[in-house]
Protein backbone atom coordinates (compact mmCIF):
# COMPACT_ATOMS: atom_id res chain seq x y z
CA LYS A 1 2.11 -82.60 1.39
CA LEU A 2 2.20 -80.09 -1.30
CA GLU A 3 -1.20 -82.75 -2.46
CA MET A 4 -2.93 -81.93 0.94
CA CYS A 5 -2.24 -77.83 0.65
CA LYS A 6 -5.89 -76.29 0.52
CA LYS A 7 -5.48 -72.24 0.94
CA PRO A 8 -5.87 -70.64 -2.56
CA SER A 9 -2.60 -68.99 -2.07
CA THR A 10 -1.05 -71.58 -1.93
CA ALA A 11 -2.48 -73.38 -4.51
CA ASN A 12 -1.31 -70.46 -6.38
CA LEU A 13 2.34 -70.84 -5.39
CA ILE A 14 2.22 -74.48 -6.58
CA GLU A 15 1.46 -73.55 -10.13
CA ARG A 16 4.62 -71.88 -10.45
CA LEU A 17 6.99 -74.80 -9.50
CA ASP A 18 9.56 -76.42 -11.44
CA TYR A 19 10.39 -79.63 -10.28
CA SER A 20 13.97 -79.78 -12.47
CA ASN A 21 16.03 -78.59 -9.11
CA LEU A 22 15.32 -79.52 -5.53
CA LEU A 23 13.96 -76.44 -4.10
CA GLY A 24 10.93 -76.36 -7.57
CA MET A 25 12.29 -73.27 -8.60
CA ASP A 26 11.40 -72.28 -12.08
CA THR A 27 14.64 -70.35 -13.82
CA ASN A 28 12.63 -68.53 -16.21
CA LEU A 29 10.56 -66.40 -13.44
CA LYS A 30 11.60 -63.49 -11.58
CA ASN A 31 14.52 -64.10 -9.10
CA GLY A 32 14.95 -67.17 -10.07
CA ASN A 33 18.28 -67.23 -10.87
CA LEU A 34 20.61 -70.45 -10.04
CA LYS A 35 23.46 -69.24 -11.45
CA GLU A 36 26.65 -70.09 -8.87
CA GLY A 37 27.24 -66.96 -6.36
CA THR A 38 24.28 -66.10 -6.16
CA LEU A 39 21.88 -66.54 -2.70
CA ASN A 40 19.44 -69.15 -4.61
CA TRP A 41 22.61 -71.27 -5.49
CA THR A 42 23.62 -70.83 -1.73
CA ILE A 43 20.50 -72.17 -0.56
CA LEU A 44 20.39 -74.98 -3.38
CA GLN A 45 24.00 -76.43 -1.58
CA PHE A 46 22.48 -76.54 1.62
CA LYS A 47 19.01 -77.90 0.79
CA SER A 48 21.39 -80.69 -1.41
CA GLN A 49 22.59 -81.73 2.10
CA PHE A 50 18.97 -81.85 3.91
CA PRO A 51 16.39 -82.56 1.02
CA ARG A 52 13.93 -83.72 3.50
CA GLN A 53 13.65 -80.84 5.83
CA VAL A 54 12.21 -76.96 4.78
CA LEU A 55 14.92 -74.50 4.48
CA LEU A 56 14.98 -71.37 6.64
CA CYS A 57 17.66 -68.64 5.29
CA ARG A 58 18.64 -65.52 7.53
CA VAL A 59 18.22 -62.74 4.67
CA GLY A 60 19.02 -59.17 6.60
CA ASP A 61 16.15 -59.23 9.13
CA PHE A 62 14.08 -62.16 7.64
CA TYR A 63 14.42 -65.63 7.07
CA GLU A 64 13.19 -67.05 3.96
CA ALA A 65 12.32 -69.96 2.13
CA VAL A 66 11.81 -70.64 -1.75
CA GLY A 67 10.21 -72.49 -4.03
CA ILE A 68 8.61 -75.58 -2.29
CA ASP A 69 9.82 -74.34 0.85
CA ALA A 70 7.91 -71.44 0.57
CA CYS A 71 4.64 -72.91 -0.34
CA ILE A 72 4.87 -75.12 2.74
CA LEU A 73 5.54 -71.89 4.94
CA VAL A 74 2.30 -70.58 3.38
CA GLU A 75 -0.08 -73.08 4.22
CA TYR A 76 1.26 -74.92 7.28
CA ALA A 77 3.17 -71.54 9.27
CA GLY A 78 0.67 -69.25 7.87
CA LEU A 79 2.91 -66.96 6.46
CA ASN A 80 2.13 -64.73 3.25
CA PRO A 81 3.71 -64.48 0.29
CA PHE A 82 6.43 -62.22 -0.39
CA GLY A 83 5.19 -59.58 -3.14
CA GLY A 84 1.74 -60.98 -2.89
CA LEU A 85 0.12 -63.32 -5.76
CA ARG A 86 2.13 -61.96 -8.74
CA SER A 87 2.67 -64.79 -10.96
CA ASP A 88 5.81 -63.71 -12.66
CA SER A 89 7.94 -64.24 -9.65
CA ILE A 90 9.12 -67.76 -7.74
CA PRO A 91 7.07 -68.66 -4.96
CA ARG A 92 8.88 -66.85 -1.64
CA ALA A 93 7.89 -66.39 1.87
CA GLY A 94 9.17 -65.90 5.31
CA CYS A 95 8.89 -63.95 8.74
CA PRO A 96 11.14 -61.44 10.84
CA VAL A 97 13.85 -62.97 12.78
CA VAL A 98 11.64 -61.70 15.91
CA ASN A 99 9.12 -64.53 14.46
CA LEU A 100 11.51 -67.61 14.28
CA ARG A 101 10.44 -69.93 17.07
CA GLN A 102 6.87 -69.22 16.82
CA THR A 103 7.45 -70.01 12.58
CA LEU A 104 9.52 -72.99 13.91
CA ASP A 105 6.42 -74.44 16.35
CA ASP A 106 3.77 -74.18 13.35
CA LEU A 107 6.47 -76.18 11.31
CA THR A 108 7.49 -78.87 13.84
CA HIS A 109 3.84 -79.19 15.05
CA HIS A 110 2.60 -80.37 11.28
CA GLY A 111 5.50 -82.82 11.28
CA PHE A 112 7.96 -80.85 9.37
CA SER A 113 11.93 -80.96 10.09
CA VAL A 114 13.51 -77.41 9.43
CA CYS A 115 16.90 -76.68 8.59
CA ILE A 116 17.85 -73.35 9.56
CA VAL A 117 20.83 -71.30 7.70
CA GLU A 118 22.53 -68.37 9.64
CA GLU A 119 24.37 -65.34 7.89
CA VAL A 120 27.32 -64.04 9.48
CA GLN A 121 26.61 -60.88 11.11
CA GLY A 122 28.52 -57.55 10.78
CA PRO A 123 30.10 -55.39 7.47
CA ALA A 124 30.31 -57.32 4.67
CA GLN A 125 32.43 -55.80 1.47
CA ALA A 126 30.91 -54.65 -0.80
CA ARG A 127 29.42 -56.40 -4.06
CA SER A 128 30.56 -60.05 -2.14
CA MET A 129 27.87 -62.12 -0.73
CA LYS A 130 27.57 -62.59 3.25
CA HIS A 131 29.13 -65.60 4.40
CA ARG A 132 26.24 -68.21 5.20
CA PHE A 133 25.92 -71.71 7.69
CA ILE A 134 24.06 -74.16 9.18
CA SER A 135 23.58 -73.07 12.39
CA GLY A 136 21.02 -76.03 13.63
CA HIS A 137 17.81 -77.97 12.81
CA ALA A 138 14.12 -78.08 14.39
CA HIS A 139 12.12 -81.20 14.70
CA PRO A 140 9.19 -82.41 16.04
CA GLY A 141 9.93 -83.05 19.86
CA ASN A 142 13.71 -82.00 19.11
CA PRO A 143 13.56 -77.62 18.99
CA TYR A 144 16.33 -75.54 17.01
CA VAL A 145 18.73 -73.98 20.38
CA TYR A 146 21.11 -72.02 18.66
CA GLY A 147 21.71 -68.36 19.74
CA LEU A 148 19.62 -69.34 23.56
CA ILE A 149 23.16 -68.80 25.04
CA GLY A 150 22.94 -65.45 25.17
CA VAL A 151 19.45 -64.75 26.01
CA ASP A 152 17.15 -64.40 29.08
CA HIS A 153 14.06 -66.14 28.03
CA ASP A 154 13.54 -70.28 27.90
CA ILE A 155 12.34 -72.47 25.62
CA GLU A 156 9.88 -75.18 26.22
CA PHE A 157 11.32 -78.95 25.05
CA PRO A 158 7.79 -80.72 23.82
CA GLU A 159 6.80 -83.91 24.88
CA PRO A 160 9.64 -86.49 23.50
CA MET A 161 8.85 -88.45 20.53
CA PRO A 162 7.16 -91.72 20.79
CA VAL A 163 9.38 -95.04 20.72
CA VAL A 164 9.94 -96.60 17.44
CA GLY A 165 9.48 -100.29 17.18
CA THR A 166 10.80 -103.04 14.49
CA SER A 167 8.82 -106.11 13.95
CA ASN A 168 9.69 -108.99 11.76
CA TRP A 169 7.58 -109.40 9.02
CA GLY A 170 4.14 -111.80 9.87
CA GLU A 171 1.07 -111.15 11.39
CA PHE A 172 1.29 -114.02 13.24
CA GLY A 173 5.19 -114.60 14.05
CA GLU A 174 7.76 -112.91 16.12
CA GLY A 175 6.85 -109.54 16.90
CA GLY A 176 3.28 -109.82 15.53
CA LEU A 177 1.60 -108.09 18.48
CA LEU A 178 3.87 -104.46 17.20
CA TRP A 179 2.40 -105.49 13.91
CA ALA A 180 -1.32 -105.97 14.39
CA GLU A 181 -1.43 -102.49 16.51
CA CYS A 182 0.50 -100.66 13.82
CA LYS A 183 -0.65 -102.19 10.74
CA SER A 184 -3.05 -99.08 9.89
CA ARG A 185 -0.86 -96.56 10.39
CA HIS A 186 2.29 -95.52 8.70
CA PHE A 187 4.96 -97.68 8.79
CA GLU A 188 8.68 -98.14 6.60
CA TRP A 189 9.80 -101.60 5.90
CA PHE A 190 13.88 -101.82 6.23
CA ASP A 191 15.22 -104.41 3.88
CA GLY A 192 18.22 -104.91 5.84
CA ASN A 193 19.87 -105.06 9.21
CA PRO A 194 16.68 -103.18 11.24
CA VAL A 195 18.61 -101.50 14.24
CA SER A 196 21.67 -100.26 11.83
CA ASP A 197 18.84 -99.75 9.13
CA LEU A 198 17.30 -97.22 11.75
CA LEU A 199 20.29 -95.59 13.38
CA LEU A 200 21.31 -94.48 9.58
CA LYS A 201 17.37 -93.14 9.20
CA VAL A 202 17.63 -90.94 12.28
CA LYS A 203 20.88 -89.79 11.58
CA GLU A 204 19.50 -88.72 8.29
CA LEU A 205 16.31 -87.19 10.04
CA TYR A 206 18.31 -85.06 12.10
CA GLY A 207 21.34 -83.93 9.85
CA LEU A 208 24.01 -86.12 11.98
CA ASP A 209 27.23 -87.22 10.24
CA HIS A 210 27.38 -91.02 9.53
CA GLU A 211 30.58 -90.76 11.77
CA VAL A 212 28.48 -89.80 14.67
CA MET A 213 28.35 -92.71 17.47
CA PHE A 214 25.00 -93.15 19.70
CA ARG A 215 25.46 -93.67 23.33
CA ASN A 216 24.23 -97.49 24.52
CA ALA A 217 21.90 -97.27 27.35
CA THR A 218 21.35 -100.86 27.84
CA VAL A 219 17.84 -101.79 30.45
CA SER A 220 17.80 -105.57 31.56
CA SER A 221 14.12 -106.92 31.41
CA GLY A 222 14.42 -108.24 34.18
CA ASN A 223 11.19 -110.47 33.82
CA ARG A 224 9.46 -107.70 32.80
CA ALA A 225 5.77 -107.24 32.25
CA GLN A 226 4.64 -106.81 28.68
CA PRO A 227 3.97 -103.22 27.75
CA LEU A 228 0.47 -102.34 27.39
CA THR A 229 -1.33 -102.94 24.18
CA LEU A 230 -2.69 -99.53 22.38
CA GLY A 231 -6.53 -101.17 23.24
CA THR A 232 -5.97 -101.14 26.54
CA SER A 233 -4.18 -97.93 26.98
CA THR A 234 -6.44 -95.80 25.10
CA GLN A 235 -9.52 -97.77 27.38
CA ILE A 236 -7.99 -96.32 30.61
CA GLY A 237 -7.40 -92.92 28.95
CA VAL A 238 -3.52 -93.15 29.53
CA ILE A 239 -3.63 -92.03 25.98
CA PRO A 240 -6.13 -89.45 25.44
CA THR A 241 -8.99 -90.76 24.09
CA ASP A 242 -12.41 -88.60 23.16
CA GLY A 243 -14.80 -89.40 25.81
CA ILE A 244 -12.87 -92.05 28.39
CA PRO A 245 -11.72 -90.25 31.29
CA SER A 246 -7.82 -90.60 32.29
CA LEU A 247 -6.54 -92.86 35.04
CA LEU A 248 -3.80 -90.17 35.28
CA LYS A 249 -5.89 -87.84 37.11
CA VAL A 250 -7.37 -90.45 40.00
CA LEU A 251 -3.46 -90.70 40.62
CA LEU A 252 -2.31 -87.56 40.87
CA PRO A 253 -3.34 -84.35 42.21
CA PRO A 254 -4.64 -81.54 39.66
CA HIS A 255 -2.03 -79.29 39.76
CA CYS A 256 0.50 -81.93 39.10
CA ARG A 257 1.76 -81.28 35.30
CA GLY A 258 4.27 -81.78 33.14
CA LEU A 259 7.52 -84.33 33.39
CA PRO A 260 6.31 -85.83 36.84
CA VAL A 261 2.59 -87.04 34.79
CA LEU A 262 4.64 -88.19 31.74
CA TYR A 263 6.85 -90.48 33.95
CA VAL A 264 3.51 -92.22 35.67
CA ARG A 265 2.18 -92.49 32.26
CA ASP A 266 5.17 -93.83 30.93
CA LEU A 267 4.98 -96.40 34.14
CA LEU A 268 1.70 -97.60 33.18
CA LEU A 269 2.34 -98.05 29.40
CA ASN A 270 5.63 -100.04 29.92
CA PRO A 271 5.50 -102.02 33.39
CA PRO A 272 8.85 -102.43 35.29
CA SER A 273 10.05 -105.41 36.67
CA TYR A 274 8.99 -107.34 40.04
CA GLU A 275 12.06 -105.84 41.82
CA ILE A 276 11.60 -102.23 40.35
CA ALA A 277 8.02 -101.91 41.43
CA SER A 278 8.54 -103.50 44.76
CA LYS A 279 11.50 -100.70 44.96
CA ILE A 280 8.58 -97.87 43.94
CA GLN A 281 6.29 -99.07 46.71
CA ALA A 282 8.83 -99.00 49.03
CA THR A 283 9.15 -95.23 48.23
CA CYS A 284 5.91 -94.72 48.12
CA LYS A 285 5.70 -96.07 51.82
CA LEU A 286 8.47 -94.13 53.41
CA MET A 287 7.44 -91.21 51.36
CA SER A 288 4.03 -91.48 53.50
CA SER A 289 5.94 -91.25 56.73
CA VAL A 290 8.48 -88.70 55.86
CA THR A 291 7.97 -85.75 58.80
CA CYS A 292 10.93 -83.42 57.54
CA SER A 293 9.54 -81.08 54.73
CA PHE A 294 9.64 -81.79 51.72
CA PRO A 295 11.46 -79.80 49.00
CA GLU A 296 9.90 -78.57 45.60
CA PHE A 297 12.43 -80.06 43.76
CA THR A 298 12.98 -78.56 40.29
CA CYS A 299 12.48 -80.79 37.23
CA VAL A 300 14.22 -80.21 33.59
CA SER A 301 13.92 -82.01 30.74
CA SER A 302 16.91 -84.90 30.74
CA ALA A 303 16.45 -84.23 26.87
CA LYS A 304 16.89 -80.51 27.05
CA ILE A 305 20.19 -80.22 29.24
CA ALA A 306 21.46 -82.91 26.88
CA LYS A 307 20.78 -80.94 24.04
CA LEU A 308 21.74 -77.47 25.43
CA LEU A 309 25.49 -79.12 26.76
CA GLU A 310 26.40 -80.71 23.87
CA TRP A 311 25.61 -77.44 21.68
CA LYS A 312 27.05 -75.39 24.38
CA GLU A 313 23.82 -73.19 24.15
CA ALA A 314 22.65 -73.49 27.78
CA ASN A 315 22.58 -69.60 29.46
CA HIS A 316 22.86 -68.69 33.11
CA ILE A 317 19.40 -69.61 33.67
CA GLU A 318 19.43 -73.30 32.46
CA LEU A 319 23.16 -73.41 34.54
CA CYS A 320 21.40 -72.28 37.50
CA ARG A 321 18.80 -74.84 36.97
CA ILE A 322 21.41 -77.78 36.46
CA LYS A 323 22.74 -76.28 39.58
CA ASN A 324 19.93 -76.42 41.90
CA VAL A 325 18.85 -80.16 40.47
CA LEU A 326 22.46 -81.25 41.34
CA ASP A 327 22.22 -79.83 44.82
CA GLU A 328 19.02 -81.10 45.72
CA ILE A 329 20.62 -84.75 45.22
CA LEU A 330 22.78 -83.37 47.68
CA HIS A 331 20.06 -82.32 50.25
CA MET A 332 18.40 -85.66 49.78
CA TYR A 333 21.73 -87.42 50.56
CA LYS A 334 22.34 -85.43 54.01
CA ASN A 335 18.77 -85.84 54.94
CA SER A 336 18.56 -89.13 56.97
CA GLU A 337 14.76 -89.31 55.71
CA LEU A 338 15.28 -88.14 52.28
CA ASN A 339 18.57 -89.87 51.93
CA GLU A 340 16.43 -93.77 52.18
CA ILE A 341 14.31 -92.53 49.60
CA LEU A 342 17.29 -91.35 47.16
CA LYS A 343 18.88 -95.11 47.57
CA HIS A 344 15.72 -96.61 46.93
CA LEU A 345 15.28 -94.56 43.77
CA ILE A 346 18.31 -95.90 42.11
CA GLY A 347 16.99 -98.57 40.56
CA PRO A 348 13.91 -96.83 38.86
CA THR A 349 16.24 -94.32 37.36
CA TRP A 350 18.55 -96.79 35.78
CA VAL A 351 15.49 -98.36 34.18
CA ALA A 352 13.91 -95.23 33.22
CA THR A 353 17.52 -93.69 31.80
CA GLY A 354 19.41 -96.85 30.69
CA LEU A 355 22.16 -95.04 32.81
CA GLU A 356 23.49 -97.63 35.87
CA ILE A 357 24.47 -95.20 38.16
CA ASP A 358 25.82 -96.28 41.99
CA PHE A 359 24.75 -94.40 44.82
CA ASN A 360 28.17 -93.21 45.95
CA THR A 361 29.19 -92.31 41.98
CA LEU A 362 26.01 -90.30 41.76
CA VAL A 363 27.09 -88.48 45.13
CA ALA A 364 30.33 -87.91 44.24
CA GLY A 365 30.07 -86.74 40.65
CA CYS A 366 27.04 -84.19 42.16
CA GLU A 367 29.10 -82.55 44.60
CA VAL A 368 32.00 -82.13 41.32
CA ALA A 369 29.51 -80.90 39.06
CA SER A 370 27.84 -78.44 41.38
CA GLY A 371 31.37 -76.89 42.44
CA LYS A 372 32.12 -76.20 38.72
CA ILE A 373 29.06 -74.45 37.84
CA GLY A 374 29.54 -72.34 41.30
CA GLU A 375 32.70 -71.11 40.49
CA ILE A 376 31.90 -69.97 37.40
CA ILE A 377 28.20 -68.79 37.34
CA SER A 378 27.16 -65.71 39.69
CA LEU A 379 23.95 -66.97 41.87
CA ASP A 380 20.88 -65.41 43.37
CA GLY A 381 21.82 -62.76 45.70
CA GLU A 382 25.17 -61.56 43.99
CA LYS A 383 24.26 -58.34 43.02
CA ASP A 384 27.78 -56.69 42.64
CA GLN A 385 27.49 -56.06 38.93
CA LYS A 386 24.99 -53.00 38.95
CA VAL A 387 23.77 -51.89 35.25
CA ASN A 388 25.60 -48.45 34.78
CA SER A 389 23.38 -44.84 35.38
CA PHE A 390 24.23 -41.49 34.84
CA SER A 391 22.00 -38.28 35.01
CA GLY A 392 21.27 -37.17 31.77
CA ILE A 393 21.28 -40.47 29.71
CA PRO A 394 18.47 -42.49 29.49
CA ASP A 395 18.66 -45.82 31.72
CA GLU A 396 17.06 -47.60 29.11
CA PHE A 397 20.07 -47.33 27.05
CA PHE A 398 22.63 -48.57 29.71
CA GLU A 399 19.61 -51.30 30.19
CA ASP A 400 19.54 -52.64 27.37
CA MET A 401 23.07 -52.83 26.37
CA GLU A 402 24.09 -54.49 29.67
CA SER A 403 21.81 -56.29 31.15
CA VAL A 404 21.74 -58.78 28.22
CA TRP A 405 25.56 -60.02 29.60
CA LYS A 406 26.22 -58.56 33.24
CA GLY A 407 25.24 -60.61 36.60
CA ARG A 408 25.96 -64.20 34.36
CA ILE A 409 29.39 -64.61 35.18
CA LYS A 410 30.92 -64.23 39.02
CA THR A 411 33.04 -60.52 38.88
CA THR A 412 36.50 -62.24 39.51
CA HIS A 413 36.28 -64.26 36.02
CA VAL A 414 35.54 -61.18 33.76
CA ASN A 415 36.67 -58.51 36.43
CA ASP A 416 38.82 -56.70 33.47
CA VAL A 417 36.01 -56.64 30.81
CA LEU A 418 33.86 -54.57 33.73
CA THR A 419 35.96 -52.51 34.27
CA SER A 420 36.23 -51.41 31.02
CA VAL A 421 32.88 -51.05 30.23
CA ASP A 422 32.05 -49.17 33.06
CA GLU A 423 35.15 -46.58 32.40
CA ALA A 424 33.52 -46.20 28.61
CA ALA A 425 30.56 -45.38 30.41
CA GLU A 426 31.58 -42.85 32.50
CA ALA A 427 33.15 -41.27 29.35
CA LEU A 428 29.88 -41.05 27.06
CA HIS A 429 28.10 -39.18 30.04
CA LEU A 430 31.18 -36.93 30.02
CA ALA A 431 30.84 -36.46 26.35
CA VAL A 432 27.02 -36.39 26.57
CA THR A 433 27.00 -33.91 29.27
CA GLU A 434 29.53 -31.92 27.52
CA ASP A 435 28.19 -31.43 23.91
CA PHE A 436 24.08 -32.18 24.74
CA THR A 437 23.36 -30.56 28.39
CA PRO A 438 24.01 -26.68 27.35
CA ILE A 439 21.78 -27.00 24.24
CA VAL A 440 19.08 -28.76 26.47
CA SER A 441 19.42 -25.77 28.98
CA ARG A 442 19.25 -23.06 26.50
CA ILE A 443 15.55 -24.98 25.03
CA LYS A 444 14.61 -24.98 28.41
CA ALA A 445 15.58 -21.51 29.20
CA SER A 446 13.67 -19.86 26.01
CA MET A 447 10.31 -18.40 26.49
CA SER A 448 9.59 -17.31 22.90
CA PRO A 449 5.81 -17.41 22.22
CA LEU A 450 6.23 -17.40 18.29
CA LYS A 451 8.79 -20.29 17.79
CA ALA A 452 8.59 -22.99 20.69
CA PRO A 453 12.22 -25.05 20.49
CA LYS A 454 12.16 -28.72 21.71
CA GLY A 455 15.19 -30.66 22.21
CA GLU A 456 16.36 -33.56 24.85
CA ILE A 457 19.05 -36.46 25.01
CA SER A 458 17.36 -39.31 24.06
CA TYR A 459 17.80 -43.34 23.33
CA SER A 460 17.45 -44.42 19.66
CA ARG A 461 16.69 -48.20 20.79
CA GLU A 462 17.06 -48.91 16.82
CA GLN A 463 20.21 -47.53 16.64
CA GLU A 464 21.80 -48.97 19.80
CA ALA A 465 22.46 -44.87 20.68
CA VAL A 466 22.29 -41.86 22.72
CA TRP A 467 21.94 -38.76 20.57
CA PHE A 468 20.48 -35.32 20.48
CA LYS A 469 16.85 -35.11 19.53
CA GLY A 470 15.30 -31.77 18.51
CA LYS A 471 13.36 -29.41 16.21
CA GLN A 472 12.94 -25.68 15.98
CA PHE A 473 16.09 -25.04 18.45
CA MET A 474 18.69 -23.64 15.89
CA PRO A 475 18.82 -19.83 16.53
CA ASP A 476 17.70 -17.24 13.45
CA VAL A 477 20.64 -15.08 14.27
CA TRP A 478 23.73 -15.80 16.64
CA THR A 479 24.17 -13.50 19.22
CA GLY A 480 27.06 -15.38 21.33
CA SER A 481 24.82 -16.80 23.63
CA PRO A 482 24.87 -19.68 26.02
CA GLY A 483 24.50 -22.98 23.97
CA GLU A 484 25.29 -21.36 20.21
CA GLU A 485 28.74 -23.27 19.91
CA HIS A 486 27.41 -26.21 21.14
CA ILE A 487 24.80 -26.23 18.61
CA LYS A 488 27.59 -25.56 15.67
CA GLN A 489 28.94 -28.69 16.77
CA LEU A 490 25.74 -30.45 15.99
CA LYS A 491 25.70 -32.69 12.95
CA HIS A 492 23.34 -35.31 11.62
CA ALA A 493 23.41 -38.58 13.17
CA LEU A 494 23.92 -41.28 10.52
CA ASP A 495 22.81 -45.27 11.27
CA SER A 496 25.38 -47.88 10.70
CA LYS A 497 25.37 -47.76 7.14
CA GLY A 498 25.90 -44.44 6.52
CA ARG A 499 22.35 -42.79 6.05
CA LYS A 500 20.95 -39.99 7.56
CA VAL A 501 18.46 -41.24 10.62
CA GLY A 502 16.32 -38.41 10.52
CA MET A 503 15.99 -34.91 10.37
CA GLU A 504 15.45 -34.56 14.54
CA TRP A 505 18.27 -36.96 15.35
CA PHE A 506 21.79 -34.92 15.88
CA THR A 507 25.20 -36.04 17.59
CA THR A 508 28.94 -34.57 17.56
CA ALA A 509 32.21 -36.15 16.85
CA LYS A 510 33.25 -36.24 20.66
CA VAL A 511 29.47 -38.34 21.06
CA ASP A 512 30.01 -40.56 18.25
CA THR A 513 33.41 -41.35 19.56
CA ALA A 514 32.71 -42.29 22.95
CA LEU A 515 29.49 -44.08 21.66
CA SER A 516 32.33 -46.24 19.49
CA ARG A 517 34.57 -47.18 22.68
CA TYR A 518 31.22 -47.80 24.72
CA HIS A 519 29.52 -50.36 22.31
CA GLU A 520 33.48 -51.93 21.44
CA ALA A 521 33.77 -52.14 25.46
CA ASN A 522 30.07 -53.81 25.85
CA ALA A 523 30.51 -56.22 23.11
CA LYS A 524 34.12 -57.68 24.19
CA ALA A 525 32.37 -58.17 27.98
CA LYS A 526 29.28 -60.06 26.35
CA SER A 527 31.56 -61.93 24.34
CA ARG A 528 34.13 -62.94 27.38
CA VAL A 529 30.90 -64.19 29.29
CA LEU A 530 29.37 -66.07 26.30
CA GLU A 531 32.75 -67.69 26.11
CA LEU A 532 33.26 -68.33 29.62
CA LEU A 533 29.66 -69.96 29.70
CA ARG A 534 30.27 -72.42 26.35
CA GLU A 535 34.00 -73.51 27.98
CA LEU A 536 31.62 -74.26 31.31
CA ALA A 537 29.39 -76.47 28.95
CA THR A 538 32.32 -78.09 27.93
CA GLU A 539 33.29 -79.14 31.15
CA LEU A 540 29.98 -80.35 32.08
CA GLN A 541 29.49 -82.17 29.19
CA SER A 542 32.25 -85.11 31.02
CA HIS A 543 29.44 -85.10 34.11
CA ILE A 544 26.11 -85.31 31.73
CA ASN A 545 25.48 -88.90 32.79
CA ILE A 546 25.36 -87.60 36.33
CA ILE A 547 23.29 -84.70 35.43
CA VAL A 548 20.79 -86.55 33.41
CA PHE A 549 20.61 -89.51 35.85
CA SER A 550 19.93 -86.47 39.08
CA SER A 551 17.62 -84.80 36.59
CA THR A 552 15.45 -88.09 36.06
CA LEU A 553 15.38 -89.09 39.82
CA LEU A 554 13.79 -85.60 40.83
CA VAL A 555 11.59 -86.20 38.26
CA ILE A 556 10.62 -89.62 39.61
CA THR A 557 10.43 -88.24 42.98
CA LYS A 558 8.14 -85.57 42.53
CA ALA A 559 5.66 -88.07 40.82
CA LEU A 560 5.72 -90.22 43.62
CA TYR A 561 5.56 -88.27 46.18
CA ALA A 562 2.16 -85.95 44.27
CA HIS A 563 1.04 -89.47 44.10
CA VAL A 564 1.07 -90.47 47.63
CA ARG A 565 -0.30 -87.01 48.96
CA GLU A 566 -3.14 -87.68 46.50
CA LYS A 567 -3.88 -91.23 47.76
CA GLU A 568 -3.59 -89.52 51.28
CA GLU A 569 -5.91 -87.00 50.69
CA MET A 570 -8.64 -89.62 49.45
CA GLY A 571 -7.91 -92.03 52.59
CA PHE A 572 -5.44 -94.56 51.41
CA SER A 573 -2.46 -94.69 53.46
CA TYR A 574 0.60 -96.65 52.58
CA ASN A 575 1.87 -97.83 56.40
CA SER A 576 -1.97 -99.13 56.97
CA ARG A 577 -3.02 -100.75 53.35
CA VAL A 578 -0.20 -102.02 50.98
CA PRO A 579 -1.54 -103.42 48.06
CA LYS A 580 0.37 -106.91 47.85
CA ALA A 581 2.31 -107.57 44.80
């Protein structure tokens, strides 16, 4: 990859590399110290565990890379090198914390795997290194999920990686078809047992321990037809090819996108057995005669569900979606017309997932898993956890502090921490009212034409604090008028490192105490919510096969129903003309 770099800035960095260590770091250059206990030494220890991956290390408000990895960031993620193009320092590059996911997307898009190292947040002892740990990996088709449990935004899971094939030697021997299709592409030989060697390769690429066991997904061929060759796939446009229209656009309506399209594509590329094909055809016929309203089924990637639950990073949004999936399966079970469709799709879903789950087991499993989520998660319509609001304090403060955890978990499980936060918020409001309001009232009453004082109770988002912000409000002569005693109590506001925030920001000892109490109660409440979400994810892991099976079944249902409706728009009816098998 380094040989393919074209940017002048990257070429400049490459000239400073020294390949005597895994980082490519020249120890004779500035910031090139690799002695034990330094940050570079820590990075090297992590790099030795995953030498094939780009390593990003959290350093304060940035994720940084050094040496060879810095060159990769500059070339493929569009980042600028730290320190410009100065030639006396090691190659360094990075991105702000808020831009991490964009940087990971850029790297994985170009085929790189990335190892992300986090640092433990919080105050560190003087002259001591912060503790760091590997928080996860990002691979093409397998994104980084660390920290998602505590945020509101969703993450798009890309299309799953292609299936890897193994072939015996010999262009015309067993496996010759695969060899003929792939000999012009990148391939790798395995000298030993191809299956065990391939699994070892997967563990290496994904940073898995050798003790990790894979789930077996066994699907009988059942006289299954041969997969489409690469030539046929491109000729019908199932694999995107310039100048060739896609058959998928004829089979599905324009608004159908995402997972249902991928299912139909895979169905064409890997035709099922006659038995499964008959079930799919019979399902389409049933769908064409359905008289009840057909639900807008929830489509969630089964790979996404599995990873978020296994890593215990499923936030309340994803858990609600999982419950929707389970509830929609139960809805199909309880509806007489949809019940038949559900029974017909058990077989095709088994083939798609490799999980052999019968009808009754599926329904019973959905009821149990849905019930567990419903006991913990605060569902839509439950609005009993309102964000605090007090006159005199900007609403944005409480919104930013509390909206990241309120409304996730049912009140019965967090009632004690909710009460603590509400009491602390009220105490903060009282402190602000007593110490700041008289000063604000004094400023508003001032009508001096020569000196116009300014002051208000403001929210410092960067410092997560409510302080008094003002200038020119100090009296030239102290006359004992209202508000003067409160002004005398003011002191300059300090940040978390004890540095003065600015000349316009002020606080008092009482407000600082109330603010600390509120932040402590808020942090404890957020921690409780995340703990309950992780406990729920742990419980759901025993139901993961049911959840994966259900999500895949709904994707298949949506894909087939979209196909049936598109064919009806074109005048084709499954009830009047069913093509013979």
